[in-house]
Amino acid sequence: MRNATPTQSVEKLLRALFEGTASDGPWVAHNGIAWEMEELAYHEPLDMLVPYQYLLLTLASDEARAATRQTAQAVRAAADRLLALLETYEQAAAGEHPEWAKFIALLEAPFPVEIPPNCDTRDPDVIAVMLRDTRFEGSWEKNLEWMTLCGSGEQQRLDGTRIRQLAAFEEAYGVNLADLLFSEQAKGER
């Protein structure tokens, strides 16, 4: 919606509020309001879609306008929280250790960030923490010792550097990365 006009952006927002997504459904679900608005939006005799913003000002019920206002206020609050979350990350990335930005942001987020139920193995740091916990009894030192004995020079240089960074983060913040990256369900399955 970056290049959308105000009219287009409002209509897109209203469409999202009333129609939602296949998985989530509409945001405005109060007493059938979303259904009312969808019914009003299609003018069958003319085979025409009427913009929601127009309908809100003309044919929508007072209940629909009130429910839409409440929902818009909830969306504004959610957008403010989203912006605060992004600012947390940006501040961390601009800090002394930008390589720790994602961990600092997870730790200092303005609200509890939802963690995926299973480990997100697309993230190499998740894999590093999993290996540390499952193969090296939760010890970065044992992981580094093993790498010194069994790893290639390239592996020692690349992976060893990252492991030291992960260990330094845990020490600096007094946290276990598994607590930031893994859900209770994922911890139980490891």
N, C-alpha and C. Protein backbone atom coordinates (compact mmCIF):
# COMPACT_ATOMS: atom_id res chain seq x y z
N MET A 1 0.82 -1.19 0.00
CA MET A 1 0.00 0.00 0.00
C MET A 1 0.87 1.26 0.00
N ARG A 2 2.16 1.08 -0.17
CA ARG A 2 3.07 2.22 -0.12
C ARG A 2 2.73 3.26 -1.18
N ASN A 3 2.38 2.84 -2.39
CA ASN A 3 2.09 3.78 -3.47
C ASN A 3 0.60 3.99 -3.68
N ALA A 4 -0.21 3.49 -2.79
CA ALA A 4 -1.66 3.62 -2.93
C ALA A 4 -2.10 5.03 -2.55
N THR A 5 -3.13 5.48 -3.20
CA THR A 5 -3.74 6.76 -2.83
C THR A 5 -4.46 6.57 -1.49
N PRO A 6 -4.80 7.66 -0.81
CA PRO A 6 -5.58 7.51 0.43
C PRO A 6 -6.87 6.72 0.20
N THR A 7 -7.54 6.97 -0.91
CA THR A 7 -8.78 6.25 -1.21
C THR A 7 -8.51 4.76 -1.36
N GLN A 8 -7.46 4.42 -2.10
CA GLN A 8 -7.12 3.01 -2.31
C GLN A 8 -6.71 2.34 -1.00
N SER A 9 -5.91 3.03 -0.20
CA SER A 9 -5.44 2.40 1.04
C SER A 9 -6.59 2.19 2.02
N VAL A 10 -7.52 3.13 2.09
CA VAL A 10 -8.69 2.95 2.98
C VAL A 10 -9.53 1.79 2.48
N GLU A 11 -9.74 1.70 1.19
CA GLU A 11 -10.55 0.60 0.65
C GLU A 11 -9.88 -0.75 0.90
N LYS A 12 -8.57 -0.81 0.72
CA LYS A 12 -7.85 -2.06 0.99
C LYS A 12 -7.97 -2.45 2.46
N LEU A 13 -7.86 -1.47 3.33
CA LEU A 13 -8.01 -1.75 4.76
C LEU A 13 -9.42 -2.24 5.06
N LEU A 14 -10.42 -1.58 4.53
CA LEU A 14 -11.80 -2.01 4.76
C LEU A 14 -12.04 -3.40 4.20
N ARG A 15 -11.49 -3.68 3.03
CA ARG A 15 -11.65 -5.01 2.44
C ARG A 15 -11.04 -6.07 3.37
N ALA A 16 -9.86 -5.77 3.90
CA ALA A 16 -9.23 -6.71 4.83
C ALA A 16 -10.06 -6.87 6.10
N LEU A 17 -10.63 -5.78 6.59
CA LEU A 17 -11.43 -5.85 7.82
C LEU A 17 -12.70 -6.66 7.62
N PHE A 18 -13.36 -6.45 6.50
CA PHE A 18 -14.65 -7.11 6.28
C PHE A 18 -14.52 -8.50 5.67
N GLU A 19 -13.53 -8.70 4.83
CA GLU A 19 -13.41 -9.99 4.15
C GLU A 19 -12.38 -10.89 4.81
N GLY A 20 -11.36 -10.31 5.40
CA GLY A 20 -10.32 -11.09 6.05
C GLY A 20 -9.57 -11.96 5.08
N THR A 21 -9.04 -13.05 5.59
CA THR A 21 -8.33 -14.01 4.76
C THR A 21 -9.02 -15.35 4.91
N ALA A 22 -8.68 -16.26 4.04
CA ALA A 22 -9.29 -17.59 4.09
C ALA A 22 -9.03 -18.26 5.44
N SER A 23 -7.86 -18.02 6.01
CA SER A 23 -7.54 -18.70 7.27
C SER A 23 -8.04 -17.95 8.51
N ASP A 24 -8.13 -16.63 8.43
CA ASP A 24 -8.47 -15.84 9.62
C ASP A 24 -9.90 -15.33 9.66
N GLY A 25 -10.51 -15.16 8.51
CA GLY A 25 -11.84 -14.58 8.48
C GLY A 25 -11.77 -13.08 8.71
N PRO A 26 -12.90 -12.41 8.75
CA PRO A 26 -12.91 -10.95 8.89
C PRO A 26 -12.55 -10.50 10.30
N TRP A 27 -11.97 -9.31 10.39
CA TRP A 27 -11.72 -8.69 11.69
C TRP A 27 -13.04 -8.26 12.29
N VAL A 28 -13.91 -7.72 11.45
CA VAL A 28 -15.20 -7.23 11.92
C VAL A 28 -16.19 -8.38 11.81
N ALA A 29 -16.35 -9.12 12.86
CA ALA A 29 -17.26 -10.26 12.81
C ALA A 29 -18.42 -10.08 13.78
N HIS A 30 -18.51 -8.91 14.38
CA HIS A 30 -19.50 -8.63 15.42
C HIS A 30 -20.92 -8.68 14.86
N ASN A 31 -21.73 -9.58 15.39
CA ASN A 31 -23.16 -9.67 15.04
C ASN A 31 -23.44 -9.65 13.54
N GLY A 32 -22.60 -10.32 12.77
CA GLY A 32 -22.85 -10.42 11.34
C GLY A 32 -22.57 -9.16 10.55
N ILE A 33 -21.85 -8.22 11.13
CA ILE A 33 -21.56 -6.95 10.44
C ILE A 33 -20.77 -7.21 9.17
N ALA A 34 -19.78 -8.09 9.23
CA ALA A 34 -18.97 -8.38 8.03
C ALA A 34 -19.86 -8.92 6.93
N TRP A 35 -20.78 -9.79 7.29
CA TRP A 35 -21.70 -10.35 6.29
C TRP A 35 -22.58 -9.24 5.72
N GLU A 36 -23.09 -8.37 6.59
CA GLU A 36 -23.91 -7.25 6.13
C GLU A 36 -23.16 -6.40 5.11
N MET A 37 -21.91 -6.09 5.41
CA MET A 37 -21.13 -5.23 4.51
C MET A 37 -20.82 -5.94 3.20
N GLU A 38 -20.52 -7.23 3.27
CA GLU A 38 -20.26 -7.96 2.02
C GLU A 38 -21.51 -8.01 1.16
N GLU A 39 -22.66 -8.21 1.80
CA GLU A 39 -23.92 -8.22 1.05
C GLU A 39 -24.18 -6.88 0.38
N LEU A 40 -23.93 -5.79 1.11
CA LEU A 40 -24.14 -4.46 0.56
C LEU A 40 -23.15 -4.14 -0.57
N ALA A 41 -21.95 -4.71 -0.48
CA ALA A 41 -20.90 -4.36 -1.44
C ALA A 41 -21.21 -4.83 -2.85
N TYR A 42 -21.99 -5.89 -2.98
CA TYR A 42 -22.29 -6.38 -4.33
C TYR A 42 -23.69 -5.93 -4.73
N HIS A 43 -23.77 -5.14 -5.78
CA HIS A 43 -25.05 -4.65 -6.32
C HIS A 43 -25.39 -5.57 -7.49
N GLU A 44 -26.18 -6.60 -7.19
CA GLU A 44 -26.44 -7.66 -8.16
C GLU A 44 -27.09 -7.16 -9.46
N PRO A 45 -28.14 -6.33 -9.43
CA PRO A 45 -28.76 -5.93 -10.70
C PRO A 45 -27.78 -5.27 -11.68
N LEU A 46 -26.78 -4.58 -11.15
CA LEU A 46 -25.79 -3.93 -12.03
C LEU A 46 -24.49 -4.72 -12.12
N ASP A 47 -24.43 -5.86 -11.44
CA ASP A 47 -23.21 -6.67 -11.39
C ASP A 47 -22.01 -5.77 -11.06
N MET A 48 -22.12 -5.06 -9.94
CA MET A 48 -21.14 -4.04 -9.59
C MET A 48 -20.74 -4.19 -8.12
N LEU A 49 -19.45 -4.01 -7.86
CA LEU A 49 -18.96 -3.93 -6.49
C LEU A 49 -18.95 -2.47 -6.07
N VAL A 50 -19.58 -2.20 -4.95
CA VAL A 50 -19.63 -0.85 -4.40
C VAL A 50 -18.54 -0.75 -3.33
N PRO A 51 -17.70 0.29 -3.38
CA PRO A 51 -16.62 0.42 -2.40
C PRO A 51 -17.16 0.47 -0.96
N TYR A 52 -16.46 -0.20 -0.07
CA TYR A 52 -16.86 -0.25 1.34
C TYR A 52 -16.92 1.14 1.95
N GLN A 53 -15.96 1.99 1.62
CA GLN A 53 -15.94 3.32 2.23
C GLN A 53 -17.19 4.11 1.85
N TYR A 54 -17.66 3.94 0.64
CA TYR A 54 -18.90 4.59 0.20
C TYR A 54 -20.08 4.03 0.99
N LEU A 55 -20.10 2.71 1.13
CA LEU A 55 -21.20 2.06 1.85
C LEU A 55 -21.27 2.49 3.31
N LEU A 56 -20.10 2.65 3.93
CA LEU A 56 -20.08 3.07 5.34
C LEU A 56 -20.78 4.41 5.53
N LEU A 57 -20.69 5.26 4.53
CA LEU A 57 -21.27 6.60 4.64
C LEU A 57 -22.70 6.68 4.12
N THR A 58 -23.15 5.63 3.43
CA THR A 58 -24.47 5.72 2.80
C THR A 58 -25.45 4.67 3.30
N LEU A 59 -25.19 3.41 3.08
CA LEU A 59 -26.17 2.36 3.35
C LEU A 59 -25.91 1.53 4.60
N ALA A 60 -24.72 1.61 5.15
CA ALA A 60 -24.39 0.77 6.31
C ALA A 60 -25.20 1.20 7.52
N SER A 61 -25.46 0.24 8.39
CA SER A 61 -26.19 0.53 9.63
C SER A 61 -25.27 1.25 10.61
N ASP A 62 -25.90 1.90 11.60
CA ASP A 62 -25.12 2.54 12.66
C ASP A 62 -24.27 1.50 13.39
N GLU A 63 -24.81 0.29 13.54
CA GLU A 63 -24.06 -0.79 14.18
C GLU A 63 -22.81 -1.12 13.38
N ALA A 64 -22.94 -1.15 12.07
CA ALA A 64 -21.79 -1.45 11.21
C ALA A 64 -20.72 -0.37 11.34
N ARG A 65 -21.15 0.89 11.37
CA ARG A 65 -20.18 1.97 11.53
C ARG A 65 -19.51 1.90 12.90
N ALA A 66 -20.27 1.62 13.94
CA ALA A 66 -19.71 1.53 15.30
C ALA A 66 -18.72 0.36 15.40
N ALA A 67 -19.10 -0.79 14.85
CA ALA A 67 -18.20 -1.95 14.89
C ALA A 67 -16.95 -1.70 14.06
N THR A 68 -17.11 -1.01 12.94
CA THR A 68 -15.95 -0.68 12.10
C THR A 68 -15.02 0.27 12.84
N ARG A 69 -15.58 1.25 13.55
CA ARG A 69 -14.76 2.17 14.34
C ARG A 69 -13.97 1.41 15.40
N GLN A 70 -14.65 0.53 16.13
CA GLN A 70 -13.97 -0.25 17.17
C GLN A 70 -12.84 -1.09 16.56
N THR A 71 -13.12 -1.68 15.42
CA THR A 71 -12.11 -2.51 14.78
C THR A 71 -10.95 -1.66 14.27
N ALA A 72 -11.25 -0.51 13.69
CA ALA A 72 -10.19 0.38 13.20
C ALA A 72 -9.29 0.83 14.36
N GLN A 73 -9.89 1.08 15.53
CA GLN A 73 -9.10 1.46 16.69
C GLN A 73 -8.21 0.30 17.14
N ALA A 74 -8.73 -0.92 17.06
CA ALA A 74 -7.93 -2.10 17.40
C ALA A 74 -6.79 -2.28 16.40
N VAL A 75 -7.08 -2.03 15.13
CA VAL A 75 -6.04 -2.14 14.09
C VAL A 75 -4.98 -1.07 14.32
N ARG A 76 -5.39 0.15 14.66
CA ARG A 76 -4.42 1.22 14.95
C ARG A 76 -3.52 0.81 16.11
N ALA A 77 -4.10 0.25 17.16
CA ALA A 77 -3.30 -0.18 18.31
C ALA A 77 -2.35 -1.30 17.89
N ALA A 78 -2.82 -2.23 17.06
CA ALA A 78 -1.95 -3.31 16.58
C ALA A 78 -0.83 -2.75 15.72
N ALA A 79 -1.14 -1.77 14.88
CA ALA A 79 -0.11 -1.14 14.03
C ALA A 79 0.92 -0.42 14.90
N ASP A 80 0.48 0.24 15.96
CA ASP A 80 1.42 0.90 16.87
C ASP A 80 2.34 -0.12 17.53
N ARG A 81 1.78 -1.27 17.93
CA ARG A 81 2.61 -2.32 18.53
C ARG A 81 3.60 -2.88 17.50
N LEU A 82 3.14 -3.05 16.27
CA LEU A 82 4.02 -3.53 15.21
C LEU A 82 5.17 -2.55 14.98
N LEU A 83 4.86 -1.27 14.93
CA LEU A 83 5.91 -0.26 14.75
C LEU A 83 6.89 -0.27 15.92
N ALA A 84 6.39 -0.44 17.13
CA ALA A 84 7.27 -0.52 18.30
C ALA A 84 8.18 -1.74 18.21
N LEU A 85 7.65 -2.85 17.72
CA LEU A 85 8.45 -4.06 17.55
C LEU A 85 9.57 -3.82 16.54
N LEU A 86 9.23 -3.21 15.41
CA LEU A 86 10.24 -2.91 14.39
C LEU A 86 11.28 -1.92 14.91
N GLU A 87 10.85 -0.94 15.69
CA GLU A 87 11.80 0.01 16.28
C GLU A 87 12.75 -0.68 17.24
N THR A 88 12.26 -1.67 17.98
CA THR A 88 13.11 -2.43 18.88
C THR A 88 14.22 -3.11 18.10
N TYR A 89 13.85 -3.73 16.98
CA TYR A 89 14.87 -4.39 16.14
C TYR A 89 15.84 -3.37 15.57
N GLU A 90 15.33 -2.27 15.04
CA GLU A 90 16.18 -1.26 14.41
C GLU A 90 17.18 -0.67 15.41
N GLN A 91 16.73 -0.43 16.63
CA GLN A 91 17.64 0.08 17.67
C GLN A 91 18.71 -0.95 17.99
N ALA A 92 18.32 -2.21 18.06
CA ALA A 92 19.30 -3.27 18.34
C ALA A 92 20.31 -3.38 17.20
N ALA A 93 19.83 -3.29 15.96
CA ALA A 93 20.71 -3.40 14.79
C ALA A 93 21.68 -2.23 14.71
N ALA A 94 21.28 -1.08 15.24
CA ALA A 94 22.15 0.10 15.23
C ALA A 94 23.08 0.14 16.45
N GLY A 95 22.94 -0.82 17.34
CA GLY A 95 23.71 -0.83 18.57
C GLY A 95 25.12 -1.36 18.40
N GLU A 96 25.76 -1.64 19.52
CA GLU A 96 27.15 -2.07 19.56
C GLU A 96 27.36 -3.44 18.90
N HIS A 97 26.35 -4.31 18.97
CA HIS A 97 26.47 -5.66 18.41
C HIS A 97 25.32 -5.92 17.44
N PRO A 98 25.40 -5.41 16.21
CA PRO A 98 24.31 -5.64 15.26
C PRO A 98 24.07 -7.12 14.96
N GLU A 99 25.09 -7.93 15.15
CA GLU A 99 24.94 -9.37 14.91
C GLU A 99 24.01 -10.02 15.94
N TRP A 100 23.73 -9.33 17.02
CA TRP A 100 22.81 -9.83 18.05
C TRP A 100 21.41 -9.24 17.90
N ALA A 101 21.17 -8.45 16.87
CA ALA A 101 19.92 -7.67 16.77
C ALA A 101 18.68 -8.53 16.95
N LYS A 102 18.62 -9.67 16.29
CA LYS A 102 17.38 -10.47 16.39
C LYS A 102 17.17 -10.98 17.81
N PHE A 103 18.26 -11.32 18.50
CA PHE A 103 18.12 -11.83 19.86
C PHE A 103 17.73 -10.71 20.83
N ILE A 104 18.37 -9.56 20.68
CA ILE A 104 18.04 -8.41 21.53
C ILE A 104 16.58 -8.03 21.32
N ALA A 105 16.16 -8.01 20.05
CA ALA A 105 14.77 -7.65 19.75
C ALA A 105 13.79 -8.66 20.35
N LEU A 106 14.11 -9.94 20.28
CA LEU A 106 13.24 -10.95 20.90
C LEU A 106 13.18 -10.77 22.41
N LEU A 107 14.31 -10.44 22.99
CA LEU A 107 14.40 -10.28 24.45
C LEU A 107 13.72 -9.00 24.93
N GLU A 108 13.86 -7.92 24.17
CA GLU A 108 13.37 -6.62 24.62
C GLU A 108 12.10 -6.17 23.89
N ALA A 109 11.47 -7.06 23.18
CA ALA A 109 10.25 -6.71 22.45
C ALA A 109 9.23 -6.10 23.40
N PRO A 110 8.43 -5.15 22.90
CA PRO A 110 7.47 -4.47 23.77
C PRO A 110 6.29 -5.34 24.19
N PHE A 111 6.22 -6.53 23.67
CA PHE A 111 5.20 -7.51 24.05
C PHE A 111 5.78 -8.89 23.76
N PRO A 112 5.25 -9.95 24.37
CA PRO A 112 5.79 -11.29 24.11
C PRO A 112 5.59 -11.68 22.64
N VAL A 113 6.68 -11.98 21.96
CA VAL A 113 6.62 -12.39 20.56
C VAL A 113 6.24 -13.86 20.50
N GLU A 114 5.32 -14.18 19.62
CA GLU A 114 4.89 -15.57 19.46
C GLU A 114 6.02 -16.38 18.82
N ILE A 115 6.38 -17.48 19.45
CA ILE A 115 7.44 -18.35 18.97
C ILE A 115 6.79 -19.50 18.20
N PRO A 116 7.38 -19.91 17.07
CA PRO A 116 6.77 -21.03 16.34
C PRO A 116 6.75 -22.30 17.19
N PRO A 117 5.74 -23.14 16.99
CA PRO A 117 5.63 -24.34 17.83
C PRO A 117 6.80 -25.31 17.64
N ASN A 118 7.35 -25.36 16.45
CA ASN A 118 8.51 -26.21 16.18
C ASN A 118 9.70 -25.32 15.86
N CYS A 119 10.89 -25.87 15.97
CA CYS A 119 12.10 -25.10 15.70
C CYS A 119 12.14 -24.68 14.23
N ASP A 120 12.42 -23.42 13.99
CA ASP A 120 12.53 -22.90 12.62
C ASP A 120 13.95 -23.15 12.13
N THR A 121 14.15 -24.29 11.51
CA THR A 121 15.49 -24.73 11.11
C THR A 121 16.03 -24.01 9.89
N ARG A 122 15.32 -23.02 9.39
CA ARG A 122 15.87 -22.19 8.31
C ARG A 122 16.92 -21.23 8.87
N ASP A 123 16.88 -21.00 10.17
CA ASP A 123 17.79 -20.07 10.82
C ASP A 123 19.02 -20.86 11.32
N PRO A 124 20.21 -20.55 10.79
CA PRO A 124 21.39 -21.31 11.22
C PRO A 124 21.68 -21.18 12.72
N ASP A 125 21.27 -20.08 13.34
CA ASP A 125 21.48 -19.94 14.78
C ASP A 125 20.58 -20.90 15.56
N VAL A 126 19.39 -21.16 15.06
CA VAL A 126 18.51 -22.15 15.69
C VAL A 126 19.19 -23.53 15.63
N ILE A 127 19.75 -23.85 14.49
CA ILE A 127 20.44 -25.14 14.34
C ILE A 127 21.63 -25.20 15.29
N ALA A 128 22.38 -24.10 15.40
CA ALA A 128 23.54 -24.08 16.30
C ALA A 128 23.12 -24.33 17.75
N VAL A 129 22.03 -23.70 18.18
CA VAL A 129 21.56 -23.90 19.56
C VAL A 129 21.04 -25.32 19.73
N MET A 130 20.35 -25.85 18.73
CA MET A 130 19.87 -27.23 18.81
C MET A 130 21.05 -28.20 18.95
N LEU A 131 22.08 -28.01 18.13
CA LEU A 131 23.26 -28.88 18.21
C LEU A 131 23.94 -28.77 19.57
N ARG A 132 24.08 -27.54 20.04
CA ARG A 132 24.70 -27.34 21.35
C ARG A 132 23.93 -28.11 22.43
N ASP A 133 22.61 -28.01 22.38
CA ASP A 133 21.80 -28.61 23.43
C ASP A 133 21.71 -30.13 23.30
N THR A 134 21.66 -30.64 22.08
CA THR A 134 21.47 -32.09 21.91
C THR A 134 22.78 -32.87 21.86
N ARG A 135 23.82 -32.29 21.29
CA ARG A 135 25.08 -33.03 21.14
C ARG A 135 26.13 -32.65 22.16
N PHE A 136 26.02 -31.46 22.73
CA PHE A 136 27.09 -30.97 23.60
C PHE A 136 26.58 -30.56 24.98
N GLU A 137 25.48 -31.17 25.40
CA GLU A 137 24.93 -30.98 26.74
C GLU A 137 24.72 -29.51 27.09
N GLY A 138 24.35 -28.71 26.10
CA GLY A 138 24.09 -27.29 26.34
C GLY A 138 25.33 -26.44 26.53
N SER A 139 26.49 -26.96 26.17
CA SER A 139 27.75 -26.25 26.42
C SER A 139 28.38 -25.75 25.12
N TRP A 140 28.54 -24.43 25.02
CA TRP A 140 29.26 -23.88 23.87
C TRP A 140 30.72 -24.30 23.91
N GLU A 141 31.29 -24.40 25.11
CA GLU A 141 32.70 -24.80 25.24
C GLU A 141 32.93 -26.20 24.67
N LYS A 142 32.05 -27.14 25.01
CA LYS A 142 32.18 -28.50 24.46
C LYS A 142 32.00 -28.49 22.95
N ASN A 143 31.12 -27.66 22.47
CA ASN A 143 30.90 -27.54 21.03
C ASN A 143 32.18 -27.04 20.36
N LEU A 144 32.82 -26.02 20.93
CA LEU A 144 34.06 -25.49 20.37
C LEU A 144 35.20 -26.50 20.45
N GLU A 145 35.27 -27.23 21.57
CA GLU A 145 36.31 -28.27 21.70
C GLU A 145 36.15 -29.33 20.62
N TRP A 146 34.94 -29.78 20.41
CA TRP A 146 34.68 -30.78 19.36
C TRP A 146 35.07 -30.22 17.99
N MET A 147 34.74 -28.97 17.74
CA MET A 147 35.06 -28.36 16.45
C MET A 147 36.57 -28.28 16.26
N THR A 148 37.31 -28.00 17.33
CA THR A 148 38.77 -27.94 17.25
C THR A 148 39.33 -29.31 16.89
N LEU A 149 38.76 -30.35 17.46
CA LEU A 149 39.24 -31.71 17.20
C LEU A 149 38.79 -32.27 15.86
N CYS A 150 37.55 -31.99 15.48
CA CYS A 150 36.96 -32.68 14.32
C CYS A 150 36.61 -31.77 13.15
N GLY A 151 36.57 -30.49 13.35
CA GLY A 151 36.13 -29.59 12.29
C GLY A 151 37.26 -29.18 11.37
N SER A 152 36.90 -28.83 10.16
CA SER A 152 37.89 -28.32 9.20
C SER A 152 38.30 -26.91 9.62
N GLY A 153 39.38 -26.43 9.03
CA GLY A 153 39.83 -25.07 9.32
C GLY A 153 38.77 -24.05 8.98
N GLU A 154 38.10 -24.25 7.84
CA GLU A 154 37.03 -23.35 7.41
C GLU A 154 35.87 -23.38 8.41
N GLN A 155 35.50 -24.59 8.85
CA GLN A 155 34.40 -24.73 9.82
C GLN A 155 34.78 -24.07 11.14
N GLN A 156 36.01 -24.26 11.56
CA GLN A 156 36.44 -23.64 12.81
C GLN A 156 36.39 -22.13 12.72
N ARG A 157 36.79 -21.61 11.56
CA ARG A 157 36.81 -20.16 11.38
C ARG A 157 35.39 -19.59 11.35
N LEU A 158 34.52 -20.16 10.51
CA LEU A 158 33.17 -19.62 10.36
C LEU A 158 32.26 -19.98 11.52
N ASP A 159 32.11 -21.27 11.77
CA ASP A 159 31.20 -21.71 12.83
C ASP A 159 31.72 -21.33 14.21
N GLY A 160 33.03 -21.42 14.39
CA GLY A 160 33.61 -21.06 15.68
C GLY A 160 33.36 -19.61 16.03
N THR A 161 33.48 -18.74 15.04
CA THR A 161 33.21 -17.32 15.26
C THR A 161 31.77 -17.10 15.68
N ARG A 162 30.85 -17.75 14.98
CA ARG A 162 29.44 -17.55 15.31
C ARG A 162 29.11 -18.14 16.68
N ILE A 163 29.66 -19.29 16.99
CA ILE A 163 29.42 -19.90 18.30
C ILE A 163 29.92 -18.98 19.41
N ARG A 164 31.08 -18.37 19.21
CA ARG A 164 31.59 -17.43 20.22
C ARG A 164 30.66 -16.22 20.37
N GLN A 165 30.11 -15.76 19.24
CA GLN A 165 29.16 -14.64 19.30
C GLN A 165 27.89 -15.04 20.06
N LEU A 166 27.39 -16.24 19.80
CA LEU A 166 26.18 -16.70 20.49
C LEU A 166 26.44 -16.85 21.98
N ALA A 167 27.59 -17.42 22.32
CA ALA A 167 27.96 -17.58 23.74
C ALA A 167 28.12 -16.22 24.41
N ALA A 168 28.72 -15.27 23.70
CA ALA A 168 28.91 -13.93 24.27
C ALA A 168 27.57 -13.24 24.50
N PHE A 169 26.63 -13.43 23.59
CA PHE A 169 25.29 -12.85 23.80
C PHE A 169 24.67 -13.43 25.07
N GLU A 170 24.69 -14.75 25.19
CA GLU A 170 24.09 -15.38 26.37
C GLU A 170 24.73 -14.86 27.66
N GLU A 171 26.04 -14.72 27.64
CA GLU A 171 26.73 -14.23 28.83
C GLU A 171 26.38 -12.77 29.11
N ALA A 172 26.37 -11.95 28.08
CA ALA A 172 26.10 -10.52 28.25
C ALA A 172 24.69 -10.26 28.76
N TYR A 173 23.74 -11.06 28.32
CA TYR A 173 22.33 -10.82 28.68
C TYR A 173 21.81 -11.79 29.73
N GLY A 174 22.62 -12.76 30.11
CA GLY A 174 22.20 -13.70 31.15
C GLY A 174 21.00 -14.54 30.75
N VAL A 175 20.93 -14.92 29.49
CA VAL A 175 19.81 -15.73 29.00
C VAL A 175 20.34 -16.95 28.25
N ASN A 176 19.47 -17.92 28.11
CA ASN A 176 19.75 -19.09 27.28
C ASN A 176 19.01 -18.86 25.97
N LEU A 177 19.72 -18.91 24.85
CA LEU A 177 19.08 -18.67 23.56
C LEU A 177 17.93 -19.63 23.29
N ALA A 178 17.99 -20.81 23.85
CA ALA A 178 16.88 -21.76 23.66
C ALA A 178 15.57 -21.17 24.18
N ASP A 179 15.65 -20.36 25.23
CA ASP A 179 14.44 -19.75 25.78
C ASP A 179 13.86 -18.68 24.85
N LEU A 180 14.70 -18.07 24.03
CA LEU A 180 14.23 -17.06 23.08
C LEU A 180 13.75 -17.68 21.77
N LEU A 181 14.35 -18.80 21.38
CA LEU A 181 14.12 -19.35 20.05
C LEU A 181 13.17 -20.54 20.00
N PHE A 182 12.98 -21.23 21.12
CA PHE A 182 12.20 -22.47 21.11
C PHE A 182 10.97 -22.36 22.00
N SER A 183 9.85 -22.84 21.49
CA SER A 183 8.64 -22.91 22.30
C SER A 183 8.80 -24.03 23.33
N GLU A 184 7.92 -24.05 24.30
CA GLU A 184 7.95 -25.14 25.29
C GLU A 184 7.75 -26.48 24.60
N GLN A 185 6.89 -26.51 23.60
CA GLN A 185 6.66 -27.74 22.83
C GLN A 185 7.94 -28.19 22.15
N ALA A 186 8.64 -27.26 21.50
CA ALA A 186 9.88 -27.61 20.80
C ALA A 186 10.95 -28.06 21.78
N LYS A 187 11.02 -27.42 22.94
CA LYS A 187 12.00 -27.83 23.96
C LYS A 187 11.72 -29.25 24.42
N GLY A 188 10.45 -29.59 24.55
CA GLY A 188 10.07 -30.92 25.00
C GLY A 188 10.37 -32.01 23.98
N GLU A 189 10.41 -31.64 22.71
CA GLU A 189 10.64 -32.62 21.65
C GLU A 189 12.12 -32.85 21.38
N ARG A 190 12.98 -32.00 21.93
CA ARG A 190 14.41 -32.16 21.63
C ARG A 190 15.05 -33.14 22.55
